[in-house]
């Protein structure tokens, strides 16, 4: 994890996480999408996640497609 990401997490932008790896971020996004919570903008942009990564982790196509232009 780079300095900027550590600093962002330390400042409390994402209070629910201490240290978060990229794979954990993908899993967390998938869990939120499965629950119907589309508030994943912060994690997707912080880690630069792609639609392919999220689909491979188990998210439904419809949920990922619903994120629109957020994913590349």
PDB file of N, CA and C in Angstrom:
ATOM      1  N   UNK A   1       0.863  -1.169   0.000  1.00  0.00           N
ATOM      2  CA  UNK A   1       0.000   0.000   0.000  1.00  0.00           C
ATOM      3  C   UNK A   1       0.904   1.225   0.000  1.00  0.00           C
ATOM      4  N   UNK A   2       0.564   2.159  -0.864  1.00  0.00           N
ATOM      5  CA  UNK A   2       1.360   3.366  -0.997  1.00  0.00           C
ATOM      6  C   UNK A   2       1.136   4.340   0.148  1.00  0.00           C
ATOM      7  N   UNK A   3       1.992   5.364   0.188  1.00  0.00           N
ATOM      8  CA  UNK A   3       1.907   6.352   1.273  1.00  0.00           C
ATOM      9  C   UNK A   3       0.587   7.104   1.270  1.00  0.00           C
ATOM     10  N   UNK A   4       0.099   7.455   0.103  1.00  0.00           N
ATOM     11  CA  UNK A   4      -1.146   8.224   0.028  1.00  0.00           C
ATOM     12  C   UNK A   4      -2.326   7.410   0.556  1.00  0.00           C
ATOM     13  N   UNK A   5      -2.372   6.129   0.208  1.00  0.00           N
ATOM     14  CA  UNK A   5      -3.464   5.274   0.688  1.00  0.00           C
ATOM     15  C   UNK A   5      -3.385   5.103   2.196  1.00  0.00           C
ATOM     16  N   UNK A   6      -2.169   4.893   2.703  1.00  0.00           N
ATOM     17  CA  UNK A   6      -2.005   4.768   4.155  1.00  0.00           C
ATOM     18  C   UNK A   6      -2.441   6.043   4.857  1.00  0.00           C
ATOM     19  N   UNK A   7      -2.065   7.169   4.281  1.00  0.00           N
ATOM     20  CA  UNK A   7      -2.412   8.456   4.874  1.00  0.00           C
ATOM     21  C   UNK A   7      -3.926   8.657   4.864  1.00  0.00           C
ATOM     22  N   UNK A   8      -4.580   8.317   3.763  1.00  0.00           N
ATOM     23  CA  UNK A   8      -6.032   8.448   3.668  1.00  0.00           C
ATOM     24  C   UNK A   8      -6.730   7.589   4.701  1.00  0.00           C
ATOM     25  N   UNK A   9      -6.265   6.369   4.849  1.00  0.00           N
ATOM     26  CA  UNK A   9      -6.873   5.480   5.833  1.00  0.00           C
ATOM     27  C   UNK A   9      -6.602   5.974   7.249  1.00  0.00           C
ATOM     28  N   UNK A  10      -5.408   6.523   7.467  1.00  0.00           N
ATOM     29  CA  UNK A  10      -5.050   7.021   8.789  1.00  0.00           C
ATOM     30  C   UNK A  10      -5.876   8.246   9.168  1.00  0.00           C
ATOM     31  N   UNK A  11      -6.210   9.075   8.195  1.00  0.00           N
ATOM     32  CA  UNK A  11      -6.968  10.291   8.466  1.00  0.00           C
ATOM     33  C   UNK A  11      -8.435  10.021   8.769  1.00  0.00           C
ATOM     34  N   UNK A  12      -8.860   8.783   8.594  1.00  0.00           N
ATOM     35  CA  UNK A  12     -10.227   8.443   8.948  1.00  0.00           C
ATOM     36  C   UNK A  12     -11.211   8.526   7.813  1.00  0.00           C
ATOM     37  N   UNK A  13     -10.733   8.610   6.586  1.00  0.00           N
ATOM     38  CA  UNK A  13     -11.643   8.653   5.454  1.00  0.00           C
ATOM     39  C   UNK A  13     -12.440   7.353   5.395  1.00  0.00           C
ATOM     40  N   UNK A  14     -11.790   6.259   5.667  1.00  0.00           N
ATOM     41  CA  UNK A  14     -12.463   4.951   5.723  1.00  0.00           C
ATOM     42  C   UNK A  14     -12.274   4.393   7.127  1.00  0.00           C
ATOM     43  N   UNK A  15     -13.058   4.872   8.074  1.00  0.00           N
ATOM     44  CA  UNK A  15     -12.882   4.493   9.471  1.00  0.00           C
ATOM     45  C   UNK A  15     -13.037   3.006   9.730  1.00  0.00           C
ATOM     46  N   UNK A  16     -13.788   2.293   8.891  1.00  0.00           N
ATOM     47  CA  UNK A  16     -14.047   0.898   9.171  1.00  0.00           C
ATOM     48  C   UNK A  16     -12.850  -0.002   8.884  1.00  0.00           C
ATOM     49  N   UNK A  17     -11.783   0.516   8.292  1.00  0.00           N
ATOM     50  CA  UNK A  17     -10.627  -0.294   7.948  1.00  0.00           C
ATOM     51  C   UNK A  17      -9.372   0.213   8.642  1.00  0.00           C
ATOM     52  N   UNK A  18      -8.535  -0.710   9.060  1.00  0.00           N
ATOM     53  CA  UNK A  18      -7.226  -0.343   9.584  1.00  0.00           C
ATOM     54  C   UNK A  18      -6.241  -0.327   8.438  1.00  0.00           C
ATOM     55  N   UNK A  19      -5.850  -1.503   8.016  1.00  0.00           N
ATOM     56  CA  UNK A  19      -5.021  -1.660   6.821  1.00  0.00           C
ATOM     57  C   UNK A  19      -5.796  -2.549   5.880  1.00  0.00           C
ATOM     58  N   UNK A  20      -5.794  -2.205   4.635  1.00  0.00           N
ATOM     59  CA  UNK A  20      -6.623  -2.900   3.663  1.00  0.00           C
ATOM     60  C   UNK A  20      -5.804  -3.196   2.418  1.00  0.00           C
ATOM     61  N   UNK A  21      -5.749  -4.474   2.061  1.00  0.00           N
ATOM     62  CA  UNK A  21      -5.039  -4.848   0.842  1.00  0.00           C
ATOM     63  C   UNK A  21      -5.990  -4.747  -0.342  1.00  0.00           C
ATOM     64  N   UNK A  22      -5.432  -4.834  -1.510  1.00  0.00           N
ATOM     65  CA  UNK A  22      -6.245  -4.743  -2.721  1.00  0.00           C
ATOM     66  C   UNK A  22      -7.250  -5.885  -2.795  1.00  0.00           C
ATOM     67  N   UNK A  23      -6.825  -7.099  -2.464  1.00  0.00           N
ATOM     68  CA  UNK A  23      -7.744  -8.244  -2.515  1.00  0.00           C
ATOM     69  C   UNK A  23      -8.863  -8.106  -1.489  1.00  0.00           C
ATOM     70  N   UNK A  24      -8.540  -7.578  -0.317  1.00  0.00           N
ATOM     71  CA  UNK A  24      -9.571  -7.348   0.691  1.00  0.00           C
ATOM     72  C   UNK A  24     -10.551  -6.274   0.222  1.00  0.00           C
ATOM     73  N   UNK A  25     -10.045  -5.268  -0.469  1.00  0.00           N
ATOM     74  CA  UNK A  25     -10.912  -4.213  -0.989  1.00  0.00           C
ATOM     75  C   UNK A  25     -11.883  -4.779  -2.020  1.00  0.00           C
ATOM     76  N   UNK A  26     -11.389  -5.646  -2.895  1.00  0.00           N
ATOM     77  CA  UNK A  26     -12.257  -6.264  -3.899  1.00  0.00           C
ATOM     78  C   UNK A  26     -13.330  -7.099  -3.211  1.00  0.00           C
ATOM     79  N   UNK A  27     -12.942  -7.869  -2.206  1.00  0.00           N
ATOM     80  CA  UNK A  27     -13.907  -8.703  -1.486  1.00  0.00           C
ATOM     81  C   UNK A  27     -14.954  -7.847  -0.783  1.00  0.00           C
ATOM     82  N   UNK A  28     -14.519  -6.747  -0.212  1.00  0.00           N
ATOM     83  CA  UNK A  28     -15.447  -5.861   0.484  1.00  0.00           C
ATOM     84  C   UNK A  28     -16.443  -5.231  -0.501  1.00  0.00           C
ATOM     85  N   UNK A  29     -15.962  -4.851  -1.672  1.00  0.00           N
ATOM     86  CA  UNK A  29     -16.843  -4.283  -2.700  1.00  0.00           C
ATOM     87  C   UNK A  29     -17.869  -5.323  -3.136  1.00  0.00           C
ATOM     88  N   UNK A  30     -17.430  -6.563  -3.334  1.00  0.00           N
ATOM     89  CA  UNK A  30     -18.348  -7.630  -3.748  1.00  0.00           C
ATOM     90  C   UNK A  30     -19.406  -7.862  -2.676  1.00  0.00           C
ATOM     91  N   UNK A  31     -18.999  -7.900  -1.418  1.00  0.00           N
ATOM     92  CA  UNK A  31     -19.958  -8.099  -0.329  1.00  0.00           C
ATOM     93  C   UNK A  31     -21.003  -6.983  -0.304  1.00  0.00           C
ATOM     94  N   UNK A  32     -20.548  -5.740  -0.480  1.00  0.00           N
ATOM     95  CA  UNK A  32     -21.490  -4.610  -0.479  1.00  0.00           C
ATOM     96  C   UNK A  32     -22.451  -4.699  -1.662  1.00  0.00           C
ATOM     97  N   UNK A  33     -21.948  -5.094  -2.812  1.00  0.00           N
ATOM     98  CA  UNK A  33     -22.805  -5.200  -3.989  1.00  0.00           C
ATOM     99  C   UNK A  33     -23.825  -6.324  -3.824  1.00  0.00           C
ATOM    100  N   UNK A  34     -23.429  -7.420  -3.190  1.00  0.00           N
ATOM    101  CA  UNK A  34     -24.359  -8.531  -2.964  1.00  0.00           C
ATOM    102  C   UNK A  34     -25.471  -8.138  -2.001  1.00  0.00           C
ATOM    103  N   UNK A  35     -25.165  -7.241  -1.068  1.00  0.00           N
ATOM    104  CA  UNK A  35     -26.171  -6.768  -0.121  1.00  0.00           C
ATOM    105  C   UNK A  35     -27.074  -5.709  -0.741  1.00  0.00           C
ATOM    106  N   UNK A  36     -26.716  -5.232  -1.916  1.00  0.00           N
ATOM    107  CA  UNK A  36     -27.508  -4.202  -2.580  1.00  0.00           C
ATOM    108  C   UNK A  36     -27.054  -2.797  -2.270  1.00  0.00           C
ATOM    109  N   UNK A  37     -25.941  -2.661  -1.570  1.00  0.00           N
ATOM    110  CA  UNK A  37     -25.400  -1.352  -1.228  1.00  0.00           C
ATOM    111  C   UNK A  37     -24.435  -0.919  -2.325  1.00  0.00           C
ATOM    112  N   UNK A  38     -24.793   0.106  -3.069  1.00  0.00           N
ATOM    113  CA  UNK A  38     -23.953   0.575  -4.164  1.00  0.00           C
ATOM    114  C   UNK A  38     -22.993   1.674  -3.737  1.00  0.00           C
ATOM    115  N   UNK A  39     -22.793   1.863  -2.457  1.00  0.00           N
ATOM    116  CA  UNK A  39     -21.888   2.892  -1.955  1.00  0.00           C
ATOM    117  C   UNK A  39     -20.458   2.350  -1.900  1.00  0.00           C
ATOM    118  N   UNK A  40     -19.897   2.079  -3.061  1.00  0.00           N
ATOM    119  CA  UNK A  40     -18.554   1.517  -3.155  1.00  0.00           C
ATOM    120  C   UNK A  40     -17.604   2.456  -3.888  1.00  0.00           C
ATOM    121  N   UNK A  41     -18.063   3.656  -4.157  1.00  0.00           N
ATOM    122  CA  UNK A  41     -17.286   4.616  -4.942  1.00  0.00           C
ATOM    123  C   UNK A  41     -15.890   4.844  -4.347  1.00  0.00           C
ATOM    124  N   UNK A  42     -15.820   5.038  -3.038  1.00  0.00           N
ATOM    125  CA  UNK A  42     -14.548   5.334  -2.390  1.00  0.00           C
ATOM    126  C   UNK A  42     -13.516   4.233  -2.574  1.00  0.00           C
ATOM    127  N   UNK A  43     -13.914   2.994  -2.357  1.00  0.00           N
ATOM    128  CA  UNK A  43     -12.967   1.885  -2.491  1.00  0.00           C
ATOM    129  C   UNK A  43     -12.572   1.660  -3.947  1.00  0.00           C
ATOM    130  N   UNK A  44     -13.527   1.766  -4.846  1.00  0.00           N
ATOM    131  CA  UNK A  44     -13.222   1.532  -6.260  1.00  0.00           C
ATOM    132  C   UNK A  44     -12.226   2.567  -6.764  1.00  0.00           C
ATOM    133  N   UNK A  45     -12.424   3.820  -6.413  1.00  0.00           N
ATOM    134  CA  UNK A  45     -11.516   4.857  -6.897  1.00  0.00           C
ATOM    135  C   UNK A  45     -10.184   4.856  -6.154  1.00  0.00           C
ATOM    136  N   UNK A  46     -10.198   4.530  -4.873  1.00  0.00           N
ATOM    137  CA  UNK A  46      -8.953   4.505  -4.103  1.00  0.00           C
ATOM    138  C   UNK A  46      -7.989   3.452  -4.629  1.00  0.00           C
ATOM    139  N   UNK A  47      -8.522   2.287  -4.961  1.00  0.00           N
ATOM    140  CA  UNK A  47      -7.672   1.194  -5.431  1.00  0.00           C
ATOM    141  C   UNK A  47      -7.653   1.064  -6.943  1.00  0.00           C
ATOM    142  N   UNK A  48      -8.468   1.818  -7.654  1.00  0.00           N
ATOM    143  CA  UNK A  48      -8.506   1.730  -9.113  1.00  0.00           C
ATOM    144  C   UNK A  48      -8.979   0.371  -9.583  1.00  0.00           C
ATOM    145  N   UNK A  49     -10.011  -0.155  -8.958  1.00  0.00           N
ATOM    146  CA  UNK A  49     -10.508  -1.484  -9.296  1.00  0.00           C
ATOM    147  C   UNK A  49     -11.164  -1.486 -10.667  1.00  0.00           C
ATOM    148  N   UNK A  50     -11.065  -2.611 -11.350  1.00  0.00           N
ATOM    149  CA  UNK A  50     -11.686  -2.755 -12.653  1.00  0.00           C
ATOM    150  C   UNK A  50     -12.907  -3.654 -12.546  1.00  0.00           C
ATOM    151  N   UNK A  51     -13.756  -3.567 -13.540  1.00  0.00           N
ATOM    152  CA  UNK A  51     -14.962  -4.399 -13.573  1.00  0.00           C
ATOM    153  C   UNK A  51     -14.587  -5.876 -13.611  1.00  0.00           C
ATOM    154  N   UNK A  52     -13.544  -6.207 -14.340  1.00  0.00           N
ATOM    155  CA  UNK A  52     -13.111  -7.604 -14.456  1.00  0.00           C
ATOM    156  C   UNK A  52     -12.716  -8.183 -13.098  1.00  0.00           C
ATOM    157  N   UNK A  53     -11.981  -7.408 -12.301  1.00  0.00           N
ATOM    158  CA  UNK A  53     -11.579  -7.877 -10.970  1.00  0.00           C
ATOM    159  C   UNK A  53     -12.788  -8.175 -10.092  1.00  0.00           C
ATOM    160  N   UNK A  54     -13.751  -7.276 -10.136  1.00  0.00           N
ATOM    161  CA  UNK A  54     -14.926  -7.423  -9.280  1.00  0.00           C
ATOM    162  C   UNK A  54     -15.784  -8.585  -9.749  1.00  0.00           C
ATOM    163  N   UNK A  55     -15.908  -8.768 -11.061  1.00  0.00           N
ATOM    164  CA  UNK A  55     -16.666  -9.902 -11.584  1.00  0.00           C
ATOM    165  C   UNK A  55     -16.005 -11.224 -11.235  1.00  0.00           C
ATOM    166  N   UNK A  56     -14.680 -11.293 -11.331  1.00  0.00           N
ATOM    167  CA  UNK A  56     -13.962 -12.525 -11.006  1.00  0.00           C
ATOM    168  C   UNK A  56     -14.065 -12.870  -9.524  1.00  0.00           C
ATOM    169  N   UNK A  57     -14.270 -11.846  -8.690  1.00  0.00           N
ATOM    170  CA  UNK A  57     -14.378 -12.074  -7.248  1.00  0.00           C
ATOM    171  C   UNK A  57     -15.768 -12.562  -6.853  1.00  0.00           C
ATOM    172  N   UNK A  58     -16.732 -12.516  -7.789  1.00  0.00           N
ATOM    173  CA  UNK A  58     -18.030 -13.089  -7.494  1.00  0.00           C
ATOM    174  C   UNK A  58     -19.214 -12.157  -7.542  1.00  0.00           C
ATOM    175  N   UNK A  59     -19.039 -10.942  -7.963  1.00  0.00           N
ATOM    176  CA  UNK A  59     -20.171 -10.018  -8.068  1.00  0.00           C
ATOM    177  C   UNK A  59     -20.992 -10.365  -9.305  1.00  0.00           C
ATOM    178  N   UNK A  60     -22.270 -10.051  -9.270  1.00  0.00           N
ATOM    179  CA  UNK A  60     -23.122 -10.312 -10.426  1.00  0.00           C
ATOM    180  C   UNK A  60     -22.856  -9.272 -11.512  1.00  0.00           C
ATOM    181  N   UNK A  61     -23.108  -9.685 -12.741  1.00  0.00           N
ATOM    182  CA  UNK A  61     -22.891  -8.797 -13.880  1.00  0.00           C
ATOM    183  C   UNK A  61     -23.778  -7.557 -13.777  1.00  0.00           C
ATOM    184  N   UNK A  62     -25.019  -7.761 -13.347  1.00  0.00           N
ATOM    185  CA  UNK A  62     -25.967  -6.655 -13.258  1.00  0.00           C
ATOM    186  C   UNK A  62     -25.509  -5.605 -12.247  1.00  0.00           C
ATOM    187  N   UNK A  63     -24.964  -6.064 -11.108  1.00  0.00           N
ATOM    188  CA  UNK A  63     -24.497  -5.136 -10.076  1.00  0.00           C
ATOM    189  C   UNK A  63     -23.315  -4.311 -10.580  1.00  0.00           C
ATOM    190  N   UNK A  64     -22.410  -4.960 -11.277  1.00  0.00           N
ATOM    191  CA  UNK A  64     -21.237  -4.267 -11.800  1.00  0.00           C
ATOM    192  C   UNK A  64     -21.653  -3.325 -12.928  1.00  0.00           C
ATOM    193  N   UNK A  65     -22.552  -3.761 -13.778  1.00  0.00           N
ATOM    194  CA  UNK A  65     -23.029  -2.919 -14.864  1.00  0.00           C
ATOM    195  C   UNK A  65     -23.769  -1.702 -14.315  1.00  0.00           C
ATOM    196  N   UNK A  66     -24.410  -1.879 -13.167  1.00  0.00           N
ATOM    197  CA  UNK A  66     -25.136  -0.780 -12.548  1.00  0.00           C
ATOM    198  C   UNK A  66     -24.237   0.338 -12.032  1.00  0.00           C
ATOM    199  N   UNK A  67     -22.967   0.045 -11.864  1.00  0.00           N
ATOM    200  CA  UNK A  67     -22.035   1.071 -11.407  1.00  0.00           C
ATOM    201  C   UNK A  67     -21.686   2.051 -12.523  1.00  0.00           C
ATOM    202  N   UNK A  68     -22.055   1.688 -13.743  1.00  0.00           N
ATOM    203  CA  UNK A  68     -21.918   2.603 -14.872  1.00  0.00           C
ATOM    204  C   UNK A  68     -20.478   2.968 -15.197  1.00  0.00           C
ATOM    205  N   UNK A  69     -20.236   4.247 -15.354  1.00  0.00           N
ATOM    206  CA  UNK A  69     -18.931   4.755 -15.774  1.00  0.00           C
ATOM    207  C   UNK A  69     -17.886   4.774 -14.677  1.00  0.00           C
ATOM    208  N   UNK A  70     -18.240   4.297 -13.511  1.00  0.00           N
ATOM    209  CA  UNK A  70     -17.284   4.281 -12.398  1.00  0.00           C
ATOM    210  C   UNK A  70     -16.149   3.302 -12.674  1.00  0.00           C
ATOM    211  N   UNK A  71     -16.462   2.209 -13.341  1.00  0.00           N
ATOM    212  CA  UNK A  71     -15.471   1.164 -13.613  1.00  0.00           C
ATOM    213  C   UNK A  71     -15.012   1.246 -15.051  1.00  0.00           C
ATOM    214  N   UNK A  72     -13.758   0.864 -15.246  1.00  0.00           N
ATOM    215  CA  UNK A  72     -13.235   0.855 -16.613  1.00  0.00           C
ATOM    216  C   UNK A  72     -13.406  -0.519 -17.230  1.00  0.00           C
TER     217      UNK A  72
END
